[in-house]
Amino acid sequence: MQLQKIPKVELHNHLEGSIRLDTLKEIAIELKVKALENAQGIEPFKQFFCLDKPTDSLTTFLTKFGNIQAVLVNYDIVERIAFEVCEDAHLQGVVLLELRYSPHYISLGHSEMTLDGIHLAVMKGVEKARSKYGIAVGLIGILDRNSTLEEAKRVSDFFCKYKRDFVAVDLANDEKYDALQFKHVFENAKEHGLGVTIHAGEAGTSENVREAIEVLGATRIGHGVMILQDDKVVELAKAKNILLEVCPISNWYCGVVPAYQSHPIRKLLDRGLKVSINSDDAGIFQTSLLQDYEMLSKHFSVTEREFLEMNLNALEASFVDQQLKDQVYRQHFEPYLNQIN
């Protein structure tokens, strides 16, 4: 089985967490980042921007995100990283990428950068990748669980304003923060034609998954591995045809599972849940989507047919328009299926 050649649909990929380490090093040197002013070789940059081992500390993980955000200081950098993340996805066999990011988060501390300017830069990078590689790309706008309701409304209105580019909205950050306060924000987004995916059941509980589906109207769940805590929520997800955006190596690095061998991926599949495979924050973890596939093939005996089924389910659940999904199927999946048959 040649994993690289399997056509892939990646639905859960954070722009800010998937930047190449070499790019971060180059930017940090140009900006003369104080903490790295005497750095020699690549290792100090890896320590500053990336996790070198699994952690059960959200603070440690968010510190890396913060260090990365601090160097996203202009539109040229944002355009570059958007292109490179799409390019890296293409090189791993991704034919449809849903790339999520937070223009609000990128703008923090960078007063000269506007949300509109940041989004324009992202789109320039994405369009360059589309033109060069033919990769299909849709954008997901991220709302923050620990933001105020007023701030969430403002950012969601921004996504609705650019609904020709954004295909969905997401809610991210620590699940200890109340998500239900944003119910009307997500209702408004859906009224504007945007899809809804929610980070839930990662380090939180199955109840968070239920709320995301029943109250916030999510049709996809980011991570969702804790859904197995409650059989009723499993059956709810199956009845509603909910797809879980599972990120196996990320779950290990973030301490959701004690070892990648103990990931519940096989249990999720055996329960009949729809699952897609995603890299989440490959830059911070210094991994890749292909490494997730390799790990699942080696330790869970996931077969070529199973990978294909997961990717076809991901294609079906994608928030991009149906015409583009049909095109992706005809161009990439149909020839591959004919070949292996």
Protein backbone atom coordinates (compact mmCIF):
# COMPACT_ATOMS: atom_id res chain seq x y z
CA MET A 1 0.00 0.00 0.00
CA GLN A 2 1.47 3.34 -1.10
CA LEU A 3 0.01 5.75 1.43
CA GLN A 4 1.19 8.89 -0.33
CA LYS A 5 -0.82 8.00 -3.44
CA ILE A 6 -4.16 7.58 -1.65
CA PRO A 7 -6.29 10.65 -2.50
CA LYS A 8 -6.91 12.44 0.78
CA VAL A 9 -9.42 14.93 2.10
CA GLU A 10 -8.11 16.78 5.15
CA LEU A 11 -10.76 18.66 7.11
CA HIS A 12 -8.94 19.65 10.31
CA ASN A 13 -5.75 21.61 9.70
CA HIS A 14 -4.87 24.80 11.59
CA LEU A 15 -2.94 27.30 9.50
CA GLU A 16 -1.15 28.84 12.47
CA GLY A 17 -0.08 25.43 13.80
CA SER A 18 1.09 23.92 10.52
CA ILE A 19 3.92 26.26 9.52
CA ARG A 20 7.25 24.80 8.41
CA LEU A 21 9.97 25.02 11.05
CA ASP A 22 12.48 26.28 8.47
CA THR A 23 10.10 29.11 7.62
CA LEU A 24 9.65 30.02 11.29
CA LYS A 25 13.41 30.00 11.76
CA GLU A 26 13.92 32.28 8.76
CA ILE A 27 11.25 34.72 9.97
CA ALA A 28 12.55 34.73 13.54
CA ILE A 29 16.07 35.57 12.36
CA GLU A 30 14.79 38.37 10.12
CA LEU A 31 12.74 39.82 12.98
CA LYS A 32 15.61 39.42 15.46
CA VAL A 33 13.40 37.66 18.02
CA LYS A 34 15.07 38.37 21.35
CA ALA A 35 14.64 34.88 22.80
CA LEU A 36 16.48 33.46 19.78
CA GLU A 37 19.12 36.13 19.15
CA ASN A 38 22.03 33.82 20.01
CA ALA A 39 20.49 30.63 18.64
CA GLN A 40 22.73 28.25 16.71
CA GLY A 41 21.37 25.52 14.45
CA ILE A 42 17.75 24.42 14.27
CA GLU A 43 17.29 23.00 17.78
CA PRO A 44 16.66 26.28 19.68
CA PHE A 45 14.00 27.21 17.13
CA LYS A 46 12.38 23.81 17.50
CA GLN A 47 12.32 24.22 21.28
CA PHE A 48 10.77 27.69 20.94
CA PHE A 49 8.08 26.93 18.36
CA CYS A 50 7.40 23.19 18.63
CA LEU A 51 6.64 20.42 21.07
CA ASP A 52 9.50 17.92 21.23
CA LYS A 53 7.49 15.39 23.22
CA PRO A 54 3.90 14.74 24.29
CA THR A 55 2.47 17.00 26.98
CA ASP A 56 -0.68 16.96 29.09
CA SER A 57 -0.37 20.69 29.66
CA LEU A 58 -2.60 22.89 27.53
CA THR A 59 -0.51 25.86 28.73
CA THR A 60 2.64 24.37 27.19
CA PHE A 61 0.85 23.80 23.89
CA LEU A 62 -0.68 27.29 23.82
CA THR A 63 2.71 28.83 24.60
CA LYS A 64 4.01 27.39 21.31
CA PHE A 65 0.99 28.82 19.50
CA GLY A 66 1.69 32.19 21.12
CA ASN A 67 5.34 32.16 20.05
CA ILE A 68 4.27 31.47 16.48
CA GLN A 69 1.56 34.13 16.50
CA ALA A 70 4.06 36.74 17.66
CA VAL A 71 6.11 36.42 14.46
CA LEU A 72 3.14 36.67 12.07
CA VAL A 73 3.76 40.40 11.83
CA ASN A 74 2.90 41.28 8.23
CA TYR A 75 0.79 40.29 5.27
CA ASP A 76 3.69 38.88 3.24
CA ILE A 77 4.40 36.34 6.00
CA VAL A 78 0.72 35.36 6.19
CA GLU A 79 0.52 34.89 2.42
CA ARG A 80 3.68 32.79 2.44
CA ILE A 81 2.55 30.43 5.19
CA ALA A 82 -0.89 29.98 3.60
CA PHE A 83 0.74 28.90 0.35
CA GLU A 84 3.25 26.60 2.05
CA VAL A 85 0.64 24.81 4.18
CA CYS A 86 -1.44 24.13 1.05
CA GLU A 87 1.69 23.03 -0.81
CA ASP A 88 2.67 20.63 1.97
CA ALA A 89 -0.83 19.15 1.93
CA HIS A 90 -0.67 18.64 -1.84
CA LEU A 91 2.68 16.89 -1.59
CA GLN A 92 1.11 14.35 0.79
CA GLY A 93 -1.70 13.49 -1.58
CA VAL A 94 -4.35 15.86 -0.21
CA VAL A 95 -6.76 16.72 -3.02
CA LEU A 96 -9.20 18.73 -0.91
CA LEU A 97 -8.08 20.75 2.10
CA GLU A 98 -10.24 22.63 4.54
CA LEU A 99 -7.86 25.06 6.18
CA ARG A 100 -8.97 26.76 9.38
CA TYR A 101 -7.56 29.91 10.89
CA SER A 102 -8.40 32.83 13.14
CA PRO A 103 -7.84 36.28 11.60
CA HIS A 104 -8.66 37.79 14.99
CA TYR A 105 -5.95 35.74 16.71
CA ILE A 106 -3.35 36.61 14.07
CA SER A 107 -4.18 40.32 14.47
CA LEU A 108 -3.58 40.40 18.24
CA GLY A 109 -0.60 42.62 19.05
CA HIS A 110 -0.23 43.59 15.40
CA SER A 111 -2.20 46.83 15.28
CA GLU A 112 -1.14 47.64 11.74
CA MET A 113 -2.83 44.46 10.44
CA THR A 114 -6.58 44.43 9.81
CA LEU A 115 -8.84 41.39 9.61
CA ASP A 116 -9.54 42.23 5.97
CA GLY A 117 -5.85 42.55 5.17
CA ILE A 118 -5.02 39.26 6.90
CA HIS A 119 -7.77 37.46 5.03
CA LEU A 120 -6.66 38.94 1.70
CA ALA A 121 -3.13 37.67 2.39
CA VAL A 122 -4.42 34.17 3.23
CA MET A 123 -6.47 34.13 0.04
CA LYS A 124 -3.46 35.19 -2.06
CA GLY A 125 -1.49 32.25 -0.69
CA VAL A 126 -4.38 29.85 -1.20
CA GLU A 127 -5.02 31.04 -4.75
CA LYS A 128 -1.36 30.60 -5.58
CA ALA A 129 -1.52 26.98 -4.37
CA ARG A 130 -4.78 26.35 -6.22
CA SER A 131 -3.27 27.69 -9.43
CA LYS A 132 0.03 25.82 -9.11
CA TYR A 133 -1.22 22.45 -7.86
CA GLY A 134 -4.94 22.28 -8.59
CA ILE A 135 -5.67 21.52 -4.94
CA ALA A 136 -9.22 22.29 -3.80
CA VAL A 137 -9.22 24.51 -0.70
CA GLY A 138 -11.99 25.80 1.55
CA LEU A 139 -11.47 28.04 4.57
CA ILE A 140 -12.96 27.61 8.04
CA GLY A 141 -13.08 30.63 10.34
CA ILE A 142 -12.31 30.01 14.01
CA LEU A 143 -14.15 31.53 16.94
CA ASP A 144 -12.60 31.35 20.40
CA ARG A 145 -14.40 29.71 23.33
CA ASN A 146 -12.90 32.18 25.80
CA SER A 147 -13.91 35.28 23.82
CA THR A 148 -16.80 37.53 24.79
CA LEU A 149 -20.11 37.06 23.03
CA GLU A 150 -19.74 40.52 21.49
CA GLU A 151 -16.32 39.66 20.09
CA ALA A 152 -17.56 36.32 18.73
CA LYS A 153 -20.44 38.10 16.95
CA ARG A 154 -18.04 40.57 15.39
CA VAL A 155 -15.69 37.88 14.10
CA SER A 156 -18.56 35.68 12.90
CA ASP A 157 -20.00 38.65 11.00
CA PHE A 158 -16.61 38.96 9.34
CA PHE A 159 -16.78 35.32 8.18
CA CYS A 160 -20.30 35.91 6.86
CA LYS A 161 -19.05 38.98 5.00
CA TYR A 162 -16.51 36.77 3.21
CA LYS A 163 -18.77 33.73 2.82
CA ARG A 164 -17.55 33.34 -0.76
CA ASP A 165 -14.21 32.24 0.80
CA PHE A 166 -15.23 30.72 4.14
CA VAL A 167 -17.17 27.48 4.01
CA ALA A 168 -17.76 27.07 7.75
CA VAL A 169 -17.18 28.38 11.26
CA ASP A 170 -15.49 26.55 14.12
CA LEU A 171 -15.26 26.97 17.89
CA ALA A 172 -11.86 26.19 19.39
CA ASN A 173 -9.81 26.52 22.60
CA ASP A 174 -10.18 24.96 26.06
CA GLU A 175 -13.44 23.07 26.49
CA LYS A 176 -13.79 24.32 30.06
CA TYR A 177 -15.27 27.52 28.61
CA ASP A 178 -19.02 27.59 28.02
CA ALA A 179 -19.90 27.06 24.36
CA LEU A 180 -23.66 27.42 24.65
CA GLN A 181 -23.49 31.20 24.93
CA PHE A 182 -22.59 31.24 21.23
CA LYS A 183 -25.75 29.43 20.09
CA HIS A 184 -27.19 32.43 18.24
CA VAL A 185 -23.82 33.22 16.66
CA PHE A 186 -23.79 29.80 15.02
CA GLU A 187 -27.44 30.06 14.05
CA ASN A 188 -26.65 33.30 12.25
CA ALA A 189 -23.66 31.73 10.49
CA LYS A 190 -25.85 28.84 9.28
CA GLU A 191 -28.42 31.32 8.01
CA HIS A 192 -25.63 32.80 5.87
CA GLY A 193 -24.92 29.38 4.40
CA LEU A 194 -21.85 28.51 6.48
CA GLY A 195 -21.28 25.05 7.91
CA VAL A 196 -20.60 24.41 11.60
CA THR A 197 -17.86 22.28 13.10
CA ILE A 198 -17.02 22.41 16.81
CA HIS A 199 -13.96 21.32 18.78
CA ALA A 200 -15.58 18.99 21.32
CA GLY A 201 -14.80 15.77 23.12
CA GLU A 202 -11.04 16.21 22.71
CA ALA A 203 -10.01 16.68 26.32
CA GLY A 204 -13.59 17.51 27.34
CA THR A 205 -16.52 15.15 27.76
CA SER A 206 -19.07 13.41 25.57
CA GLU A 207 -21.58 15.96 26.88
CA ASN A 208 -19.66 18.64 24.99
CA VAL A 209 -20.18 16.61 21.82
CA ARG A 210 -23.91 16.33 22.50
CA GLU A 211 -24.20 20.10 23.06
CA ALA A 212 -22.25 20.83 19.89
CA ILE A 213 -24.67 18.70 17.87
CA GLU A 214 -28.00 19.42 19.53
CA VAL A 215 -27.57 23.06 20.59
CA LEU A 216 -24.93 24.57 18.30
CA GLY A 217 -25.98 22.69 15.17
CA ALA A 218 -22.62 21.10 14.35
CA THR A 219 -22.59 18.55 11.53
CA ARG A 220 -18.93 17.75 12.16
CA ILE A 221 -16.98 17.47 15.40
CA GLY A 222 -13.34 18.40 15.79
CA HIS A 223 -11.65 15.43 17.52
CA GLY A 224 -14.67 13.95 19.33
CA VAL A 225 -12.81 10.95 20.73
CA MET A 226 -14.52 11.28 24.14
CA ILE A 227 -17.85 10.49 22.46
CA LEU A 228 -17.29 6.87 23.55
CA GLN A 229 -18.04 7.87 27.15
CA ASP A 230 -21.77 7.81 26.38
CA ASP A 231 -23.56 5.31 24.13
CA LYS A 232 -26.46 7.75 23.69
CA VAL A 233 -24.16 10.38 22.19
CA VAL A 234 -22.63 7.74 19.90
CA GLU A 235 -26.12 6.86 18.65
CA LEU A 236 -26.98 10.55 18.29
CA ALA A 237 -23.93 11.13 16.12
CA LYS A 238 -24.76 8.13 13.96
CA ALA A 239 -28.40 9.17 13.60
CA LYS A 240 -27.37 12.70 12.59
CA ASN A 241 -24.64 11.44 10.22
CA ILE A 242 -21.99 13.40 12.14
CA LEU A 243 -18.38 13.03 11.03
CA LEU A 244 -15.56 13.13 13.57
CA GLU A 245 -12.42 15.01 12.48
CA VAL A 246 -10.00 12.70 14.27
CA CYS A 247 -6.36 13.76 14.77
CA PRO A 248 -4.53 10.68 16.16
CA ILE A 249 -0.95 11.93 16.61
CA SER A 250 -2.23 15.29 17.87
CA ASN A 251 -4.25 13.45 20.53
CA TRP A 252 -1.07 11.76 21.70
CA TYR A 253 1.01 14.95 21.72
CA CYS A 254 -1.68 16.85 23.63
CA GLY A 255 -2.08 14.14 26.26
CA VAL A 256 -5.58 13.07 25.24
CA VAL A 257 -4.29 9.48 25.03
CA PRO A 258 -1.25 8.16 26.94
CA ALA A 259 0.28 6.57 23.84
CA TYR A 260 -0.68 6.51 20.19
CA GLN A 261 -1.18 2.75 20.45
CA SER A 262 -4.07 3.41 22.86
CA HIS A 263 -5.93 5.76 20.53
CA PRO A 264 -9.64 4.81 20.23
CA ILE A 265 -9.67 5.08 16.41
CA ARG A 266 -10.49 1.40 15.95
CA LYS A 267 -13.28 1.57 18.56
CA LEU A 268 -14.77 4.58 16.79
CA LEU A 269 -14.78 2.73 13.49
CA ASP A 270 -16.14 -0.47 15.04
CA ARG A 271 -19.05 1.51 16.51
CA GLY A 272 -19.98 2.62 13.00
CA LEU A 273 -19.03 6.27 13.46
CA LYS A 274 -17.85 8.26 10.47
CA VAL A 275 -14.24 9.35 10.87
CA SER A 276 -11.72 11.38 8.91
CA ILE A 277 -7.94 11.49 9.51
CA ASN A 278 -6.26 14.85 10.07
CA SER A 279 -2.93 16.33 11.15
CA ASP A 280 -4.31 19.26 13.25
CA ASP A 281 -1.07 21.19 14.00
CA ALA A 282 1.67 19.34 12.15
CA GLY A 283 4.14 22.24 12.44
CA ILE A 284 3.98 22.35 16.24
CA PHE A 285 4.16 18.56 16.51
CA GLN A 286 6.83 18.28 13.78
CA THR A 287 4.78 15.56 12.14
CA SER A 288 2.74 15.25 8.95
CA LEU A 289 -0.56 13.84 7.77
CA LEU A 290 1.33 10.95 6.19
CA GLN A 291 2.76 10.07 9.60
CA ASP A 292 -0.79 9.73 10.93
CA TYR A 293 -1.54 7.35 8.07
CA GLU A 294 1.67 5.39 8.66
CA MET A 295 0.94 5.07 12.37
CA LEU A 296 -2.62 3.87 11.74
CA SER A 297 -1.45 1.39 9.14
CA LYS A 298 1.27 -0.02 11.38
CA HIS A 299 -0.41 -0.09 14.80
CA PHE A 300 -4.11 -0.43 13.91
CA SER A 301 -3.87 -2.39 10.66
CA VAL A 302 -5.97 0.21 8.85
CA THR A 303 -6.31 -1.03 5.28
CA GLU A 304 -6.26 0.80 1.98
CA ARG A 305 -10.01 0.26 1.64
CA GLU A 306 -10.60 1.72 5.11
CA PHE A 307 -8.48 4.78 4.34
CA LEU A 308 -10.42 5.25 1.11
CA GLU A 309 -13.75 4.92 2.90
CA MET A 310 -12.69 7.51 5.48
CA ASN A 311 -11.62 9.90 2.76
CA LEU A 312 -14.84 9.39 0.82
CA ASN A 313 -16.78 10.09 4.01
CA ALA A 314 -14.66 13.22 4.49
CA LEU A 315 -15.41 14.30 0.94
CA GLU A 316 -19.13 13.83 1.55
CA ALA A 317 -18.94 15.81 4.82
CA SER A 318 -16.82 18.62 3.38
CA PHE A 319 -18.37 22.08 3.53
CA VAL A 320 -17.20 23.09 0.04
CA ASP A 321 -19.92 23.26 -2.59
CA GLN A 322 -21.22 20.08 -4.17
CA GLN A 323 -19.95 20.97 -7.64
CA LEU A 324 -16.38 21.13 -6.37
CA LYS A 325 -16.81 17.87 -4.44
CA ASP A 326 -18.10 16.15 -7.56
CA GLN A 327 -15.11 17.47 -9.49
CA VAL A 328 -12.68 16.19 -6.86
CA TYR A 329 -14.35 12.77 -6.94
CA ARG A 330 -14.19 12.49 -10.74
CA GLN A 331 -10.64 13.77 -10.98
CA HIS A 332 -9.02 11.89 -8.10
CA PHE A 333 -11.16 9.21 -6.46
CA GLU A 334 -12.79 7.65 -9.50
CA PRO A 335 -9.46 6.91 -11.27
CA TYR A 336 -7.95 5.56 -8.03
CA LEU A 337 -10.91 3.26 -7.40
CA ASN A 338 -10.75 2.00 -10.99
CA GLN A 339 -7.03 1.35 -10.60
CA ILE A 340 -7.28 -0.69 -7.40
CA ASN A 341 -10.31 -2.60 -8.67
